[in-house]
C-alpha atoms as a PDB file:
ATOM      1  CA  MET A   1     104.411  62.316  21.450  1.00  0.00           C
ATOM      2  CA  ALA A   2     103.291  64.432  18.335  1.00  0.00           C
ATOM      3  CA  ARG A   3     101.950  62.794  15.298  1.00  0.00           C
ATOM      4  CA  VAL A   4     102.647  64.462  12.064  1.00  0.00           C
ATOM      5  CA  THR A   5     101.000  63.694   8.739  1.00  0.00           C
ATOM      6  CA  GLY A   6     103.098  65.442   5.841  1.00  0.00           C
ATOM      7  CA  PRO A   7     105.473  68.198   6.198  1.00  0.00           C
ATOM      8  CA  LEU A   8     105.157  69.914   9.612  1.00  0.00           C
ATOM      9  CA  LEU A   9     101.998  72.164   9.767  1.00  0.00           C
ATOM     10  CA  SER A  10     101.372  72.139   6.115  1.00  0.00           C
ATOM     11  CA  ILE A  11      98.959  69.169   6.341  1.00  0.00           C
ATOM     12  CA  ASP A  12      98.266  68.206   9.707  1.00  0.00           C
ATOM     13  CA  ALA A  13     100.077  67.708  12.883  1.00  0.00           C
ATOM     14  CA  SER A  14      98.404  66.989  16.343  1.00  0.00           C
ATOM     15  CA  GLY A  15      99.609  66.301  19.874  1.00  0.00           C
ATOM     16  CA  LYS A  16     102.433  67.321  22.154  1.00  0.00           C
ATOM     17  CA  LEU A  17     106.073  67.192  21.258  1.00  0.00           C
ATOM     18  CA  ALA A  18     109.006  66.731  23.909  1.00  0.00           C
ATOM     19  CA  ASP A  19     107.060  68.662  26.804  1.00  0.00           C
ATOM     20  CA  THR A  20     107.573  71.976  24.875  1.00  0.00           C
ATOM     21  CA  LEU A  21     105.388  72.200  21.968  1.00  0.00           C
ATOM     22  CA  VAL A  22     101.438  71.209  21.434  1.00  0.00           C
ATOM     23  CA  PHE A  23     100.070  70.920  17.899  1.00  0.00           C
ATOM     24  CA  SER A  24      96.286  71.229  17.162  1.00  0.00           C
ATOM     25  CA  HIS A  25      93.364  72.980  15.290  1.00  0.00           C
ATOM     26  CA  TRP A  26      90.580  75.002  16.248  1.00  0.00           C
ATOM     27  CA  ARG A  27      87.523  75.745  14.018  1.00  0.00           C
ATOM     28  CA  GLY A  28      89.857  74.556  10.887  1.00  0.00           C
ATOM     29  CA  ILE A  29      92.784  76.713  11.926  1.00  0.00           C
ATOM     30  CA  LYS A  30      96.000  74.607  12.448  1.00  0.00           C
ATOM     31  CA  TYR A  31      98.123  76.033  15.329  1.00  0.00           C
ATOM     32  CA  ALA A  32     101.090  75.627  17.372  1.00  0.00           C
ATOM     33  CA  ARG A  33     101.729  76.804  20.869  1.00  0.00           C
ATOM     34  CA  MET A  34     103.998  76.489  23.853  1.00  0.00           C
ATOM     35  CA  TRP A  35     102.847  73.590  26.329  1.00  0.00           C
ATOM     36  CA  LEU A  36     101.989  74.720  29.703  1.00  0.00           C
ATOM     37  CA  VAL A  37     101.693  72.434  32.807  1.00  0.00           C
ATOM     38  CA  PRO A  38      97.989  72.338  33.825  1.00  0.00           C
ATOM     39  CA  THR A  39      97.365  73.944  37.271  1.00  0.00           C
ATOM     40  CA  ASN A  40      95.268  72.094  39.613  1.00  0.00           C
ATOM     41  CA  PRO A  41      95.439  74.083  42.919  1.00  0.00           C
ATOM     42  CA  ASP A  42      93.224  71.307  44.594  1.00  0.00           C
ATOM     43  CA  THR A  43      91.635  74.094  47.041  1.00  0.00           C
ATOM     44  CA  ALA A  44      88.978  73.444  49.694  1.00  0.00           C
ATOM     45  CA  LEU A  45      86.692  75.529  47.508  1.00  0.00           C
ATOM     46  CA  GLN A  46      87.583  73.722  44.262  1.00  0.00           C
ATOM     47  CA  GLN A  47      86.953  70.318  46.100  1.00  0.00           C
ATOM     48  CA  ALA A  48      83.507  71.613  47.328  1.00  0.00           C
ATOM     49  CA  ARG A  49      82.466  72.745  43.753  1.00  0.00           C
ATOM     50  CA  ARG A  50      83.648  69.435  42.439  1.00  0.00           C
ATOM     51  CA  ALA A  51      81.453  67.655  44.926  1.00  0.00           C
ATOM     52  CA  LEU A  52      78.292  69.862  44.143  1.00  0.00           C
ATOM     53  CA  ILE A  53      78.949  68.962  40.358  1.00  0.00           C
ATOM     54  CA  ALA A  54      79.136  65.421  41.218  1.00  0.00           C
ATOM     55  CA  ASP A  55      75.827  65.647  43.282  1.00  0.00           C
ATOM     56  CA  ALA A  56      74.255  67.144  40.316  1.00  0.00           C
ATOM     57  CA  VAL A  57      75.305  64.442  37.966  1.00  0.00           C
ATOM     58  CA  ALA A  58      74.235  61.830  40.201  1.00  0.00           C
ATOM     59  CA  HIS A  59      70.770  63.633  40.400  1.00  0.00           C
ATOM     60  CA  TRP A  60      70.636  63.458  36.845  1.00  0.00           C
ATOM     61  CA  LYS A  61      71.335  59.503  36.880  1.00  0.00           C
ATOM     62  CA  VAL A  62      68.398  58.794  39.031  1.00  0.00           C
ATOM     63  CA  GLU A  63      65.975  60.907  37.170  1.00  0.00           C
ATOM     64  CA  LEU A  64      63.125  58.977  35.414  1.00  0.00           C
ATOM     65  CA  ALA A  65      63.784  58.758  31.636  1.00  0.00           C
ATOM     66  CA  GLU A  66      60.653  60.456  30.954  1.00  0.00           C
ATOM     67  CA  THR A  67      61.733  63.538  33.281  1.00  0.00           C
ATOM     68  CA  GLN A  68      65.173  63.358  31.203  1.00  0.00           C
ATOM     69  CA  GLN A  69      63.455  63.432  28.071  1.00  0.00           C
ATOM     70  CA  ALA A  70      61.287  66.379  29.197  1.00  0.00           C
ATOM     71  CA  MET A  71      64.276  68.174  30.096  1.00  0.00           C
ATOM     72  CA  ARG A  72      65.946  67.539  26.869  1.00  0.00           C
ATOM     73  CA  ASP A  73      62.536  68.678  25.152  1.00  0.00           C
ATOM     74  CA  TYR A  74      62.657  71.757  27.113  1.00  0.00           C
ATOM     75  CA  GLN A  75      65.921  72.593  26.127  1.00  0.00           C
ATOM     76  CA  GLY A  76      65.343  71.868  22.362  1.00  0.00           C
ATOM     77  CA  GLY A  77      66.850  74.419  20.140  1.00  0.00           C
ATOM     78  CA  GLN A  78      68.696  75.878  23.195  1.00  0.00           C
ATOM     79  CA  PRO A  79      72.536  76.431  23.727  1.00  0.00           C
ATOM     80  CA  PHE A  80      72.916  73.630  25.882  1.00  0.00           C
ATOM     81  CA  SER A  81      71.427  70.240  26.697  1.00  0.00           C
ATOM     82  CA  GLY A  82      68.811  69.254  29.007  1.00  0.00           C
ATOM     83  CA  PHE A  83      71.600  67.449  31.157  1.00  0.00           C
ATOM     84  CA  ASN A  84      73.569  70.632  31.325  1.00  0.00           C
ATOM     85  CA  TYR A  85      70.338  72.587  32.185  1.00  0.00           C
ATOM     86  CA  LEU A  86      69.384  70.252  35.277  1.00  0.00           C
ATOM     87  CA  VAL A  87      73.124  70.388  36.493  1.00  0.00           C
ATOM     88  CA  GLN A  88      72.808  74.263  36.296  1.00  0.00           C
ATOM     89  CA  GLN A  89      69.737  74.516  38.133  1.00  0.00           C
ATOM     90  CA  TYR A  90      70.976  71.969  40.794  1.00  0.00           C
ATOM     91  CA  ILE A  91      73.839  74.057  41.556  1.00  0.00           C
ATOM     92  CA  ALA A  92      71.910  77.248  41.585  1.00  0.00           C
ATOM     93  CA  ASP A  93      69.272  75.783  43.903  1.00  0.00           C
ATOM     94  CA  LYS A  94      72.050  74.628  46.274  1.00  0.00           C
ATOM     95  CA  ASP A  95      73.998  78.203  46.016  1.00  0.00           C
ATOM     96  CA  ASN A  96      70.555  80.044  46.764  1.00  0.00           C
ATOM     97  CA  GLY A  97      69.969  77.768  49.970  1.00  0.00           C
ATOM     98  CA  HIS A  98      67.305  75.688  48.103  1.00  0.00           C
ATOM     99  CA  THR A  99      66.666  72.146  48.349  1.00  0.00           C
ATOM    100  CA  PRO A 100      66.700  70.568  44.894  1.00  0.00           C
ATOM    101  CA  THR A 101      63.490  68.788  44.049  1.00  0.00           C
ATOM    102  CA  SER A 102      63.035  65.095  44.302  1.00  0.00           C
ATOM    103  CA  SER A 103      64.579  62.938  41.585  1.00  0.00           C
ATOM    104  CA  THR A 104      61.634  60.779  41.242  1.00  0.00           C
ATOM    105  CA  VAL A 105      59.068  63.244  39.708  1.00  0.00           C
ATOM    106  CA  ALA A 106      56.719  60.990  37.660  1.00  0.00           C
ATOM    107  CA  VAL A 107      54.297  63.316  35.521  1.00  0.00           C
ATOM    108  CA  ASP A 108      51.023  62.090  34.337  1.00  0.00           C
ATOM    109  CA  LEU A 109      49.073  64.028  31.691  1.00  0.00           C
ATOM    110  CA  ASP A 110      45.509  63.055  31.752  1.00  0.00           C
ATOM    111  CA  VAL A 111      43.215  64.268  28.778  1.00  0.00           C
ATOM    112  CA  GLY A 112      39.930  63.993  30.618  1.00  0.00           C
ATOM    113  CA  THR A 113      37.539  65.384  28.131  1.00  0.00           C
ATOM    114  CA  THR A 114      37.904  67.071  24.784  1.00  0.00           C
ATOM    115  CA  THR A 115      38.709  70.497  26.257  1.00  0.00           C
ATOM    116  CA  GLU A 116      40.906  69.455  29.780  1.00  0.00           C
ATOM    117  CA  ILE A 117      44.102  68.447  30.559  1.00  0.00           C
ATOM    118  CA  THR A 118      45.259  67.290  34.177  1.00  0.00           C
ATOM    119  CA  VAL A 119      48.777  67.432  34.985  1.00  0.00           C
ATOM    120  CA  SER A 120      49.590  65.498  38.294  1.00  0.00           C
ATOM    121  CA  TYR A 121      52.761  64.533  39.809  1.00  0.00           C
ATOM    122  CA  GLU A 122      54.430  63.800  43.263  1.00  0.00           C
ATOM    123  CA  THR A 123      57.655  65.227  44.764  1.00  0.00           C
ATOM    124  CA  GLY A 124      59.430  63.726  47.629  1.00  0.00           C
ATOM    125  CA  SER A 125      59.558  67.150  49.349  1.00  0.00           C
ATOM    126  CA  ALA A 126      56.870  69.811  49.670  1.00  0.00           C
ATOM    127  CA  PHE A 127      56.863  72.429  46.838  1.00  0.00           C
ATOM    128  CA  ASN A 128      54.776  75.174  45.349  1.00  0.00           C
ATOM    129  CA  GLY A 129      54.175  73.723  41.929  1.00  0.00           C
ATOM    130  CA  ARG A 130      53.304  75.682  38.728  1.00  0.00           C
ATOM    131  CA  ALA A 131      52.188  74.524  35.501  1.00  0.00           C
ATOM    132  CA  PHE A 132      52.269  76.649  32.184  1.00  0.00           C
ATOM    133  CA  LEU A 133      50.549  75.625  29.281  1.00  0.00           C
ATOM    134  CA  GLY A 134      50.987  76.646  25.489  1.00  0.00           C
ATOM    135  CA  THR A 135      50.224  75.813  22.025  1.00  0.00           C
ATOM    136  CA  SER A 136      54.012  75.987  20.997  1.00  0.00           C
ATOM    137  CA  HIS A 137      57.459  75.086  22.596  1.00  0.00           C
ATOM    138  CA  ARG A 138      58.413  77.535  25.233  1.00  0.00           C
ATOM    139  CA  SER A 139      55.575  80.046  24.507  1.00  0.00           C
ATOM    140  CA  TYR A 140      53.016  79.824  27.357  1.00  0.00           C
ATOM    141  CA  PHE A 141      49.732  81.565  27.885  1.00  0.00           C
ATOM    142  CA  LYS A 142      48.099  79.876  30.895  1.00  0.00           C
ATOM    143  CA  THR A 143      49.392  79.469  34.453  1.00  0.00           C
ATOM    144  CA  ASP A 144      48.037  77.201  37.200  1.00  0.00           C
ATOM    145  CA  ASP A 145      49.527  78.091  40.625  1.00  0.00           C
ATOM    146  CA  GLU A 146      49.492  76.065  43.796  1.00  0.00           C
ATOM    147  CA  GLY A 147      48.863  78.161  47.086  1.00  0.00           C
ATOM    148  CA  ALA A 148      50.918  76.211  49.415  1.00  0.00           C
ATOM    149  CA  PRO A 149      53.787  73.717  49.387  1.00  0.00           C
ATOM    150  CA  VAL A 150      52.635  70.171  48.863  1.00  0.00           C
ATOM    151  CA  THR A 151      53.941  66.967  47.848  1.00  0.00           C
ATOM    152  CA  VAL A 152      51.039  65.862  45.601  1.00  0.00           C
ATOM    153  CA  HIS A 153      50.634  68.251  42.695  1.00  0.00           C
ATOM    154  CA  GLU A 154      47.571  68.649  40.357  1.00  0.00           C
ATOM    155  CA  HIS A 155      46.927  71.297  37.580  1.00  0.00           C
ATOM    156  CA  VAL A 156      43.849  71.341  35.600  1.00  0.00           C
ATOM    157  CA  PHE A 157      43.542  73.493  32.345  1.00  0.00           C
ATOM    158  CA  THR A 158      40.118  73.726  30.868  1.00  0.00           C
ATOM    159  CA  GLY A 159      38.666  75.494  28.035  1.00  0.00           C
ATOM    160  CA  LEU A 160      41.086  73.884  25.681  1.00  0.00           C
ATOM    161  CA  THR A 161      40.584  73.251  21.794  1.00  0.00           C
ATOM    162  CA  PRO A 162      40.258  69.470  20.726  1.00  0.00           C
ATOM    163  CA  GLY A 163      42.911  68.263  18.378  1.00  0.00           C
ATOM    164  CA  VAL A 164      45.673  70.981  19.221  1.00  0.00           C
ATOM    165  CA  LYS A 165      48.888  69.893  20.664  1.00  0.00           C
ATOM    166  CA  TYR A 166      49.526  71.571  23.946  1.00  0.00           C
ATOM    167  CA  PHE A 167      53.081  72.150  25.611  1.00  0.00           C
ATOM    168  CA  VAL A 168      53.071  71.974  29.395  1.00  0.00           C
ATOM    169  CA  MET A 169      56.083  73.088  31.466  1.00  0.00           C
ATOM    170  CA  LEU A 170      56.321  72.510  35.173  1.00  0.00           C
ATOM    171  CA  ARG A 171      58.317  74.771  37.769  1.00  0.00           C
ATOM    172  CA  MET A 172      58.508  73.946  41.212  1.00  0.00           C
ATOM    173  CA  SER A 173      59.863  76.261  44.075  1.00  0.00           C
ATOM    174  CA  THR A 174      60.048  76.805  47.695  1.00  0.00           C
ATOM    175  CA  ALA A 175      60.021  80.458  48.142  1.00  0.00           C
ATOM    176  CA  ASN A 176      61.479  81.541  44.873  1.00  0.00           C
ATOM    177  CA  PRO A 177      61.488  80.185  41.322  1.00  0.00           C
ATOM    178  CA  SER A 178      63.254  77.062  41.379  1.00  0.00           C
ATOM    179  CA  PHE A 179      63.553  73.904  39.361  1.00  0.00           C
ATOM    180  CA  THR A 180      62.056  73.901  35.953  1.00  0.00           C
ATOM    181  CA  GLY A 181      60.666  70.248  35.442  1.00  0.00           C
ATOM    182  CA  GLY A 182      60.989  70.011  31.630  1.00  0.00           C
ATOM    183  CA  GLU A 183      58.115  70.369  28.959  1.00  0.00           C
ATOM    184  CA  TYR A 184      55.492  67.858  28.174  1.00  0.00           C
ATOM    185  CA  THR A 185      52.997  67.514  25.259  1.00  0.00           C
ATOM    186  CA  ALA A 186      49.223  66.303  25.452  1.00  0.00           C
ATOM    187  CA  VAL A 187      46.512  66.647  22.729  1.00  0.00           C
ATOM    188  CA  CYS A 188      42.934  66.913  23.581  1.00  0.00           C
ATOM    189  CA  THR A 189      41.022  64.465  21.570  1.00  0.00           C
END
């Protein structure tokens, strides 16, 4: 049932009228269009894609709160959220034949000395971990790459300046660059 406020389309109208017309607005512009029956072919490929998206959403739900926040921080100022980014990466990993990373990655940033930061974390599967370090969001100048896939990861960055806020981004991969684990911050004191 359409709900009309004031004369038709002069003030506001929204909703469906008798399965024939739809009234709405887009970016402040009011419009009326013919109502179309939505199609849902329910093909095997479509069902497989829906299942993959459901798996990706379930993957997000079991992520640690700190990992979810790191994904949000990494996506800060970008067109889509940390959740959307994780779902996109999960689907891309599956499409490329990779195993998505364990969803229980707890990252520990240890400021060992006034000029050193150690990043350590564990993954459920063996991955080649990579850590990137920089002094601003999404801009990195140092990289620490592990030589072989492991489940216990440790990256040490030395020669840092005390009092400077550093941004650390993690990337875990099997053969090709794969999952980006978000962005974390630490300050050498």
